[in-house]
Amino acid sequence: MTRTTFNTIVLGLGAIGSGALYWLSRRLGGEVLGMEQFELGHVRGGSQDHSRIIRLSYHNTHYIELAKAAYAAWRELEADADESLLVTTGG
């Protein structure tokens, strides 16, 4: 039987959308649906590329705490995937 109702739907599965889908599905189980108009991994997204920067220097301490949480989330995702996903360079 095909499911037709979900508590949450994520539209767009680029870097941000697929990350949101991953974390929502962990919290909500099978109550989440992700939808993408193009093939997964396409290069048409606004944030597509192979590298990004996460800084720990911001004018607002709230952003610093969010960045620290992002590092922890990346490490948790790496553990779940049993794969290295984040490369830290610099200081």
PDB file of N, CA and C in Angstrom:
ATOM      1  N   MET A   1       0.837  -1.176   0.000  1.00  0.00           N
ATOM      2  CA  MET A   1       0.000   0.000   0.000  1.00  0.00           C
ATOM      3  C   MET A   1       0.888   1.247   0.000  1.00  0.00           C
ATOM      4  N   THR A   2       0.573   2.208  -0.831  1.00  0.00           N
ATOM      5  CA  THR A   2       1.333   3.440  -0.933  1.00  0.00           C
ATOM      6  C   THR A   2       0.868   4.429   0.125  1.00  0.00           C
ATOM      7  N   ARG A   3       1.819   4.970   0.826  1.00  0.00           N
ATOM      8  CA  ARG A   3       1.496   5.942   1.865  1.00  0.00           C
ATOM      9  C   ARG A   3       1.218   7.299   1.222  1.00  0.00           C
ATOM     10  N   THR A   4       0.212   8.015   1.699  1.00  0.00           N
ATOM     11  CA  THR A   4      -0.144   9.306   1.110  1.00  0.00           C
ATOM     12  C   THR A   4      -0.128  10.460   2.104  1.00  0.00           C
ATOM     13  N   THR A   5       0.088  10.198   3.378  1.00  0.00           N
ATOM     14  CA  THR A   5       0.129  11.278   4.366  1.00  0.00           C
ATOM     15  C   THR A   5       1.408  11.189   5.192  1.00  0.00           C
ATOM     16  N   PHE A   6       1.963  12.356   5.503  1.00  0.00           N
ATOM     17  CA  PHE A   6       3.189  12.468   6.288  1.00  0.00           C
ATOM     18  C   PHE A   6       3.058  13.661   7.222  1.00  0.00           C
ATOM     19  N   ASN A   7       3.720  13.599   8.351  1.00  0.00           N
ATOM     20  CA  ASN A   7       3.721  14.733   9.275  1.00  0.00           C
ATOM     21  C   ASN A   7       4.555  15.887   8.739  1.00  0.00           C
ATOM     22  N   THR A   8       5.630  15.565   8.019  1.00  0.00           N
ATOM     23  CA  THR A   8       6.552  16.584   7.515  1.00  0.00           C
ATOM     24  C   THR A   8       7.002  16.214   6.111  1.00  0.00           C
ATOM     25  N   ILE A   9       7.043  17.206   5.221  1.00  0.00           N
ATOM     26  CA  ILE A   9       7.561  17.012   3.868  1.00  0.00           C
ATOM     27  C   ILE A   9       8.667  18.038   3.642  1.00  0.00           C
ATOM     28  N   VAL A  10       9.818  17.570   3.194  1.00  0.00           N
ATOM     29  CA  VAL A  10      10.939  18.447   2.867  1.00  0.00           C
ATOM     30  C   VAL A  10      11.010  18.557   1.349  1.00  0.00           C
ATOM     31  N   LEU A  11      10.879  19.779   0.834  1.00  0.00           N
ATOM     32  CA  LEU A  11      10.952  20.018  -0.609  1.00  0.00           C
ATOM     33  C   LEU A  11      12.346  20.504  -0.961  1.00  0.00           C
ATOM     34  N   GLY A  12      13.013  19.764  -1.827  1.00  0.00           N
ATOM     35  CA  GLY A  12      14.383  20.089  -2.212  1.00  0.00           C
ATOM     36  C   GLY A  12      15.364  19.298  -1.372  1.00  0.00           C
ATOM     37  N   LEU A  13      16.120  18.420  -2.011  1.00  0.00           N
ATOM     38  CA  LEU A  13      17.040  17.543  -1.287  1.00  0.00           C
ATOM     39  C   LEU A  13      18.493  17.819  -1.650  1.00  0.00           C
ATOM     40  N   GLY A  14      18.812  19.101  -1.735  1.00  0.00           N
ATOM     41  CA  GLY A  14      20.212  19.482  -1.872  1.00  0.00           C
ATOM     42  C   GLY A  14      20.894  19.346  -0.515  1.00  0.00           C
ATOM     43  N   ALA A  15      21.953  20.088  -0.315  1.00  0.00           N
ATOM     44  CA  ALA A  15      22.715  19.979   0.932  1.00  0.00           C
ATOM     45  C   ALA A  15      21.868  20.309   2.154  1.00  0.00           C
ATOM     46  N   ILE A  16      21.123  21.377   2.111  1.00  0.00           N
ATOM     47  CA  ILE A  16      20.324  21.792   3.258  1.00  0.00           C
ATOM     48  C   ILE A  16      19.107  20.885   3.429  1.00  0.00           C
ATOM     49  N   GLY A  17      18.386  20.644   2.347  1.00  0.00           N
ATOM     50  CA  GLY A  17      17.185  19.820   2.427  1.00  0.00           C
ATOM     51  C   GLY A  17      17.461  18.389   2.842  1.00  0.00           C
ATOM     52  N   SER A  18      18.508  17.787   2.298  1.00  0.00           N
ATOM     53  CA  SER A  18      18.802  16.398   2.668  1.00  0.00           C
ATOM     54  C   SER A  18      19.285  16.317   4.109  1.00  0.00           C
ATOM     55  N   GLY A  19      19.999  17.345   4.566  1.00  0.00           N
ATOM     56  CA  GLY A  19      20.393  17.381   5.973  1.00  0.00           C
ATOM     57  C   GLY A  19      19.183  17.498   6.880  1.00  0.00           C
ATOM     58  N   ALA A  20      18.260  18.373   6.507  1.00  0.00           N
ATOM     59  CA  ALA A  20      17.029  18.517   7.285  1.00  0.00           C
ATOM     60  C   ALA A  20      16.236  17.217   7.290  1.00  0.00           C
ATOM     61  N   LEU A  21      16.138  16.570   6.133  1.00  0.00           N
ATOM     62  CA  LEU A  21      15.416  15.301   6.040  1.00  0.00           C
ATOM     63  C   LEU A  21      16.044  14.239   6.935  1.00  0.00           C
ATOM     64  N   TYR A  22      17.362  14.161   6.923  1.00  0.00           N
ATOM     65  CA  TYR A  22      18.074  13.177   7.750  1.00  0.00           C
ATOM     66  C   TYR A  22      17.747  13.369   9.230  1.00  0.00           C
ATOM     67  N   TRP A  23      17.904  14.588   9.722  1.00  0.00           N
ATOM     68  CA  TRP A  23      17.691  14.831  11.149  1.00  0.00           C
ATOM     69  C   TRP A  23      16.221  14.718  11.530  1.00  0.00           C
ATOM     70  N   LEU A  24      15.315  15.178  10.670  1.00  0.00           N
ATOM     71  CA  LEU A  24      13.891  15.021  10.967  1.00  0.00           C
ATOM     72  C   LEU A  24      13.492  13.551  11.001  1.00  0.00           C
ATOM     73  N   SER A  25      14.023  12.759  10.073  1.00  0.00           N
ATOM     74  CA  SER A  25      13.671  11.334  10.050  1.00  0.00           C
ATOM     75  C   SER A  25      14.202  10.618  11.284  1.00  0.00           C
ATOM     76  N   ARG A  26      15.335  11.055  11.795  1.00  0.00           N
ATOM     77  CA  ARG A  26      15.861  10.468  13.035  1.00  0.00           C
ATOM     78  C   ARG A  26      14.935  10.764  14.206  1.00  0.00           C
ATOM     79  N   ARG A  27      14.374  11.952  14.193  1.00  0.00           N
ATOM     80  CA  ARG A  27      13.506  12.352  15.304  1.00  0.00           C
ATOM     81  C   ARG A  27      12.074  11.855  15.138  1.00  0.00           C
ATOM     82  N   LEU A  28      11.594  11.796  13.892  1.00  0.00           N
ATOM     83  CA  LEU A  28      10.192  11.475  13.648  1.00  0.00           C
ATOM     84  C   LEU A  28       9.975  10.097  13.044  1.00  0.00           C
ATOM     85  N   GLY A  29      11.035   9.375  12.762  1.00  0.00           N
ATOM     86  CA  GLY A  29      10.893   8.049  12.160  1.00  0.00           C
ATOM     87  C   GLY A  29      10.347   8.135  10.748  1.00  0.00           C
ATOM     88  N   GLY A  30       9.390   7.311  10.425  1.00  0.00           N
ATOM     89  CA  GLY A  30       8.840   7.234   9.074  1.00  0.00           C
ATOM     90  C   GLY A  30       7.808   8.289   8.760  1.00  0.00           C
ATOM     91  N   GLU A  31       7.754   9.347   9.546  1.00  0.00           N
ATOM     92  CA  GLU A  31       6.737  10.381   9.353  1.00  0.00           C
ATOM     93  C   GLU A  31       7.187  11.488   8.406  1.00  0.00           C
ATOM     94  N   VAL A  32       8.342  11.313   7.742  1.00  0.00           N
ATOM     95  CA  VAL A  32       8.927  12.372   6.925  1.00  0.00           C
ATOM     96  C   VAL A  32       9.083  11.904   5.478  1.00  0.00           C
ATOM     97  N   LEU A  33       8.788  12.803   4.536  1.00  0.00           N
ATOM     98  CA  LEU A  33       8.968  12.526   3.113  1.00  0.00           C
ATOM     99  C   LEU A  33       9.863  13.605   2.521  1.00  0.00           C
ATOM    100  N   GLY A  34      10.832  13.208   1.710  1.00  0.00           N
ATOM    101  CA  GLY A  34      11.674  14.158   0.992  1.00  0.00           C
ATOM    102  C   GLY A  34      11.365  14.098  -0.492  1.00  0.00           C
ATOM    103  N   MET A  35      11.272  15.271  -1.123  1.00  0.00           N
ATOM    104  CA  MET A  35      10.963  15.337  -2.551  1.00  0.00           C
ATOM    105  C   MET A  35      11.963  16.248  -3.251  1.00  0.00           C
ATOM    106  N   GLU A  36      12.458  15.799  -4.400  1.00  0.00           N
ATOM    107  CA  GLU A  36      13.429  16.559  -5.194  1.00  0.00           C
ATOM    108  C   GLU A  36      13.001  16.504  -6.652  1.00  0.00           C
ATOM    109  N   GLN A  37      13.026  17.644  -7.340  1.00  0.00           N
ATOM    110  CA  GLN A  37      12.581  17.664  -8.737  1.00  0.00           C
ATOM    111  C   GLN A  37      13.619  17.117  -9.707  1.00  0.00           C
ATOM    112  N   PHE A  38      14.899  17.138  -9.320  1.00  0.00           N
ATOM    113  CA  PHE A  38      15.964  16.631 -10.184  1.00  0.00           C
ATOM    114  C   PHE A  38      16.520  15.335  -9.601  1.00  0.00           C
ATOM    115  N   GLU A  39      17.468  14.717 -10.296  1.00  0.00           N
ATOM    116  CA  GLU A  39      18.100  13.503  -9.768  1.00  0.00           C
ATOM    117  C   GLU A  39      18.926  13.872  -8.534  1.00  0.00           C
ATOM    118  N   LEU A  40      19.030  12.937  -7.587  1.00  0.00           N
ATOM    119  CA  LEU A  40      19.814  13.199  -6.383  1.00  0.00           C
ATOM    120  C   LEU A  40      21.273  13.411  -6.751  1.00  0.00           C
ATOM    121  N   GLY A  41      21.894  14.383  -6.115  1.00  0.00           N
ATOM    122  CA  GLY A  41      23.284  14.691  -6.397  1.00  0.00           C
ATOM    123  C   GLY A  41      23.486  15.616  -7.581  1.00  0.00           C
ATOM    124  N   HIS A  42      22.404  16.203  -8.104  1.00  0.00           N
ATOM    125  CA  HIS A  42      22.522  17.095  -9.262  1.00  0.00           C
ATOM    126  C   HIS A  42      23.341  18.342  -8.906  1.00  0.00           C
ATOM    127  N   VAL A  43      23.732  19.094  -9.915  1.00  0.00           N
ATOM    128  CA  VAL A  43      24.571  20.279  -9.698  1.00  0.00           C
ATOM    129  C   VAL A  43      23.800  21.583  -9.937  1.00  0.00           C
ATOM    130  N   ARG A  44      22.494  21.549  -9.825  1.00  0.00           N
ATOM    131  CA  ARG A  44      21.681  22.736 -10.072  1.00  0.00           C
ATOM    132  C   ARG A  44      21.348  23.515  -8.802  1.00  0.00           C
ATOM    133  N   GLY A  45      21.738  22.997  -7.648  1.00  0.00           N
ATOM    134  CA  GLY A  45      21.380  23.616  -6.373  1.00  0.00           C
ATOM    135  C   GLY A  45      22.189  24.859  -6.057  1.00  0.00           C
ATOM    136  N   GLY A  46      21.624  25.681  -5.192  1.00  0.00           N
ATOM    137  CA  GLY A  46      22.284  26.915  -4.808  1.00  0.00           C
ATOM    138  C   GLY A  46      23.508  26.705  -3.935  1.00  0.00           C
ATOM    139  N   SER A  47      23.615  25.560  -3.296  1.00  0.00           N
ATOM    140  CA  SER A  47      24.754  25.326  -2.402  1.00  0.00           C
ATOM    141  C   SER A  47      25.604  24.147  -2.852  1.00  0.00           C
ATOM    142  N   GLN A  48      25.512  23.770  -4.115  1.00  0.00           N
ATOM    143  CA  GLN A  48      26.271  22.604  -4.595  1.00  0.00           C
ATOM    144  C   GLN A  48      27.736  22.950  -4.758  1.00  0.00           C
ATOM    145  N   ASP A  49      28.572  22.074  -4.389  1.00  0.00           N
ATOM    146  CA  ASP A  49      30.019  22.148  -4.552  1.00  0.00           C
ATOM    147  C   ASP A  49      30.613  21.099  -3.621  1.00  0.00           C
ATOM    148  N   HIS A  50      31.905  20.951  -3.650  1.00  0.00           N
ATOM    149  CA  HIS A  50      32.528  19.911  -2.838  1.00  0.00           C
ATOM    150  C   HIS A  50      33.130  20.443  -1.545  1.00  0.00           C
ATOM    151  N   SER A  51      33.077  21.739  -1.305  1.00  0.00           N
ATOM    152  CA  SER A  51      33.669  22.250  -0.066  1.00  0.00           C
ATOM    153  C   SER A  51      32.842  23.386   0.523  1.00  0.00           C
ATOM    154  N   ARG A  52      32.926  23.509   1.827  1.00  0.00           N
ATOM    155  CA  ARG A  52      32.245  24.559   2.578  1.00  0.00           C
ATOM    156  C   ARG A  52      33.131  24.954   3.748  1.00  0.00           C
ATOM    157  N   ILE A  53      32.831  26.098   4.334  1.00  0.00           N
ATOM    158  CA  ILE A  53      33.580  26.588   5.487  1.00  0.00           C
ATOM    159  C   ILE A  53      32.631  26.696   6.675  1.00  0.00           C
ATOM    160  N   ILE A  54      33.058  26.180   7.817  1.00  0.00           N
ATOM    161  CA  ILE A  54      32.346  26.389   9.074  1.00  0.00           C
ATOM    162  C   ILE A  54      33.277  27.210   9.955  1.00  0.00           C
ATOM    163  N   ARG A  55      32.857  28.398  10.304  1.00  0.00           N
ATOM    164  CA  ARG A  55      33.695  29.279  11.124  1.00  0.00           C
ATOM    165  C   ARG A  55      33.244  29.242  12.581  1.00  0.00           C
ATOM    166  N   LEU A  56      34.172  29.509  13.476  1.00  0.00           N
ATOM    167  CA  LEU A  56      33.848  29.629  14.897  1.00  0.00           C
ATOM    168  C   LEU A  56      34.055  31.063  15.382  1.00  0.00           C
ATOM    169  N   SER A  57      34.107  31.995  14.461  1.00  0.00           N
ATOM    170  CA  SER A  57      34.300  33.402  14.800  1.00  0.00           C
ATOM    171  C   SER A  57      33.141  34.208  14.215  1.00  0.00           C
ATOM    172  N   TYR A  58      32.258  34.684  15.084  1.00  0.00           N
ATOM    173  CA  TYR A  58      31.099  35.472  14.676  1.00  0.00           C
ATOM    174  C   TYR A  58      30.900  36.620  15.656  1.00  0.00           C
ATOM    175  N   HIS A  59      30.175  37.627  15.242  1.00  0.00           N
ATOM    176  CA  HIS A  59      29.896  38.773  16.107  1.00  0.00           C
ATOM    177  C   HIS A  59      28.882  38.434  17.199  1.00  0.00           C
ATOM    178  N   ASN A  60      28.127  37.378  17.002  1.00  0.00           N
ATOM    179  CA  ASN A  60      27.087  36.979  17.947  1.00  0.00           C
ATOM    180  C   ASN A  60      27.428  35.597  18.498  1.00  0.00           C
ATOM    181  N   THR A  61      27.464  35.467  19.810  1.00  0.00           N
ATOM    182  CA  THR A  61      27.848  34.181  20.412  1.00  0.00           C
ATOM    183  C   THR A  61      26.858  33.066  20.079  1.00  0.00           C
ATOM    184  N   HIS A  62      25.622  33.429  19.754  1.00  0.00           N
ATOM    185  CA  HIS A  62      24.641  32.403  19.377  1.00  0.00           C
ATOM    186  C   HIS A  62      25.114  31.636  18.138  1.00  0.00           C
ATOM    187  N   TYR A  63      25.693  32.345  17.169  1.00  0.00           N
ATOM    188  CA  TYR A  63      26.202  31.695  15.959  1.00  0.00           C
ATOM    189  C   TYR A  63      27.380  30.777  16.270  1.00  0.00           C
ATOM    190  N   ILE A  64      28.180  31.165  17.231  1.00  0.00           N
ATOM    191  CA  ILE A  64      29.313  30.324  17.629  1.00  0.00           C
ATOM    192  C   ILE A  64      28.807  29.004  18.197  1.00  0.00           C
ATOM    193  N   GLU A  65      27.792  29.067  19.035  1.00  0.00           N
ATOM    194  CA  GLU A  65      27.218  27.842  19.605  1.00  0.00           C
ATOM    195  C   GLU A  65      26.594  26.972  18.519  1.00  0.00           C
ATOM    196  N   LEU A  66      25.944  27.591  17.540  1.00  0.00           N
ATOM    197  CA  LEU A  66      25.383  26.823  16.422  1.00  0.00           C
ATOM    198  C   LEU A  66      26.482  26.141  15.619  1.00  0.00           C
ATOM    199  N   ALA A  67      27.592  26.843  15.394  1.00  0.00           N
ATOM    200  CA  ALA A  67      28.708  26.253  14.646  1.00  0.00           C
ATOM    201  C   ALA A  67      29.303  25.076  15.407  1.00  0.00           C
ATOM    202  N   LYS A  68      29.445  25.200  16.712  1.00  0.00           N
ATOM    203  CA  LYS A  68      29.951  24.086  17.521  1.00  0.00           C
ATOM    204  C   LYS A  68      29.003  22.894  17.441  1.00  0.00           C
ATOM    205  N   ALA A  69      27.707  23.174  17.479  1.00  0.00           N
ATOM    206  CA  ALA A  69      26.716  22.096  17.354  1.00  0.00           C
ATOM    207  C   ALA A  69      26.800  21.448  15.974  1.00  0.00           C
ATOM    208  N   ALA A  70      27.100  22.244  14.950  1.00  0.00           N
ATOM    209  CA  ALA A  70      27.241  21.697  13.595  1.00  0.00           C
ATOM    210  C   ALA A  70      28.407  20.723  13.524  1.00  0.00           C
ATOM    211  N   TYR A  71      29.531  21.084  14.153  1.00  0.00           N
ATOM    212  CA  TYR A  71      30.670  20.160  14.189  1.00  0.00           C
ATOM    213  C   TYR A  71      30.282  18.848  14.864  1.00  0.00           C
ATOM    214  N   ALA A  72      29.582  18.936  15.978  1.00  0.00           N
ATOM    215  CA  ALA A  72      29.157  17.723  16.688  1.00  0.00           C
ATOM    216  C   ALA A  72      28.208  16.893  15.822  1.00  0.00           C
ATOM    217  N   ALA A  73      27.310  17.562  15.107  1.00  0.00           N
ATOM    218  CA  ALA A  73      26.367  16.849  14.235  1.00  0.00           C
ATOM    219  C   ALA A  73      27.094  16.156  13.089  1.00  0.00           C
ATOM    220  N   TRP A  74      28.110  16.818  12.521  1.00  0.00           N
ATOM    221  CA  TRP A  74      28.903  16.185  11.458  1.00  0.00           C
ATOM    222  C   TRP A  74      29.581  14.928  11.989  1.00  0.00           C
ATOM    223  N   ARG A  75      30.148  15.010  13.173  1.00  0.00           N
ATOM    224  CA  ARG A  75      30.841  13.845  13.745  1.00  0.00           C
ATOM    225  C   ARG A  75      29.854  12.712  14.025  1.00  0.00           C
ATOM    226  N   GLU A  76      28.659  13.060  14.475  1.00  0.00           N
ATOM    227  CA  GLU A  76      27.632  12.040  14.713  1.00  0.00           C
ATOM    228  C   GLU A  76      27.212  11.383  13.399  1.00  0.00           C
ATOM    229  N   LEU A  77      27.055  12.185  12.361  1.00  0.00           N
ATOM    230  CA  LEU A  77      26.702  11.643  11.047  1.00  0.00           C
ATOM    231  C   LEU A  77      27.804  10.729  10.526  1.00  0.00           C
ATOM    232  N   GLU A  78      29.055  11.122  10.719  1.00  0.00           N
ATOM    233  CA  GLU A  78      30.178  10.273  10.312  1.00  0.00           C
ATOM    234  C   GLU A  78      30.130   8.931  11.031  1.00  0.00           C
ATOM    235  N   ALA A  79      29.833   8.957  12.323  1.00  0.00           N
ATOM    236  CA  ALA A  79      29.754   7.709  13.090  1.00  0.00           C
ATOM    237  C   ALA A  79      28.614   6.838  12.575  1.00  0.00           C
ATOM    238  N   ASP A  80      27.465   7.449  12.291  1.00  0.00           N
ATOM    239  CA  ASP A  80      26.320   6.695  11.765  1.00  0.00           C
ATOM    240  C   ASP A  80      26.622   6.094  10.400  1.00  0.00           C
ATOM    241  N   ALA A  81      27.339   6.842   9.561  1.00  0.00           N
ATOM    242  CA  ALA A  81      27.642   6.390   8.201  1.00  0.00           C
ATOM    243  C   ALA A  81      28.897   5.535   8.134  1.00  0.00           C
ATOM    244  N   ASP A  82      29.649   5.490   9.228  1.00  0.00           N
ATOM    245  CA  ASP A  82      30.938   4.792   9.268  1.00  0.00           C
ATOM    246  C   ASP A  82      31.821   5.267   8.116  1.00  0.00           C
ATOM    247  N   GLU A  83      31.859   6.591   7.959  1.00  0.00           N
ATOM    248  CA  GLU A  83      32.604   7.189   6.854  1.00  0.00           C
ATOM    249  C   GLU A  83      33.054   8.591   7.260  1.00  0.00           C
ATOM    250  N   SER A  84      34.248   8.975   6.835  1.00  0.00           N
ATOM    251  CA  SER A  84      34.741  10.322   7.093  1.00  0.00           C
ATOM    252  C   SER A  84      34.077  11.295   6.124  1.00  0.00           C
ATOM    253  N   LEU A  85      33.433  12.334   6.657  1.00  0.00           N
ATOM    254  CA  LEU A  85      32.717  13.292   5.821  1.00  0.00           C
ATOM    255  C   LEU A  85      33.239  14.716   5.971  1.00  0.00           C
ATOM    256  N   LEU A  86      33.886  15.002   7.082  1.00  0.00           N
ATOM    257  CA  LEU A  86      34.331  16.357   7.384  1.00  0.00           C
ATOM    258  C   LEU A  86      35.840  16.380   7.533  1.00  0.00           C
ATOM    259  N   VAL A  87      36.477  17.255   6.789  1.00  0.00           N
ATOM    260  CA  VAL A  87      37.926  17.424   6.884  1.00  0.00           C
ATOM    261  C   VAL A  87      38.191  18.789   7.511  1.00  0.00           C
ATOM    262  N   THR A  88      38.862  18.791   8.640  1.00  0.00           N
ATOM    263  CA  THR A  88      39.183  20.037   9.328  1.00  0.00           C
ATOM    264  C   THR A  88      40.589  20.466   8.948  1.00  0.00           C
ATOM    265  N   THR A  89      40.709  21.697   8.469  1.00  0.00           N
ATOM    266  CA  THR A  89      42.021  22.247   8.126  1.00  0.00           C
ATOM    267  C   THR A  89      42.194  23.559   8.873  1.00  0.00           C
ATOM    268  N   GLY A  90      43.404  24.011   8.999  1.00  0.00           N
ATOM    269  CA  GLY A  90      43.639  25.265   9.700  1.00  0.00           C
ATOM    270  C   GLY A  90      43.532  25.088  11.200  1.00  0.00           C
ATOM    271  N   GLY A  91      43.245  26.185  11.903  1.00  0.00           N
ATOM    272  CA  GLY A  91      43.252  26.170  13.370  1.00  0.00           C
ATOM    273  C   GLY A  91      41.960  26.058  14.008  1.00  0.00           C
TER     274      GLY A  91
END
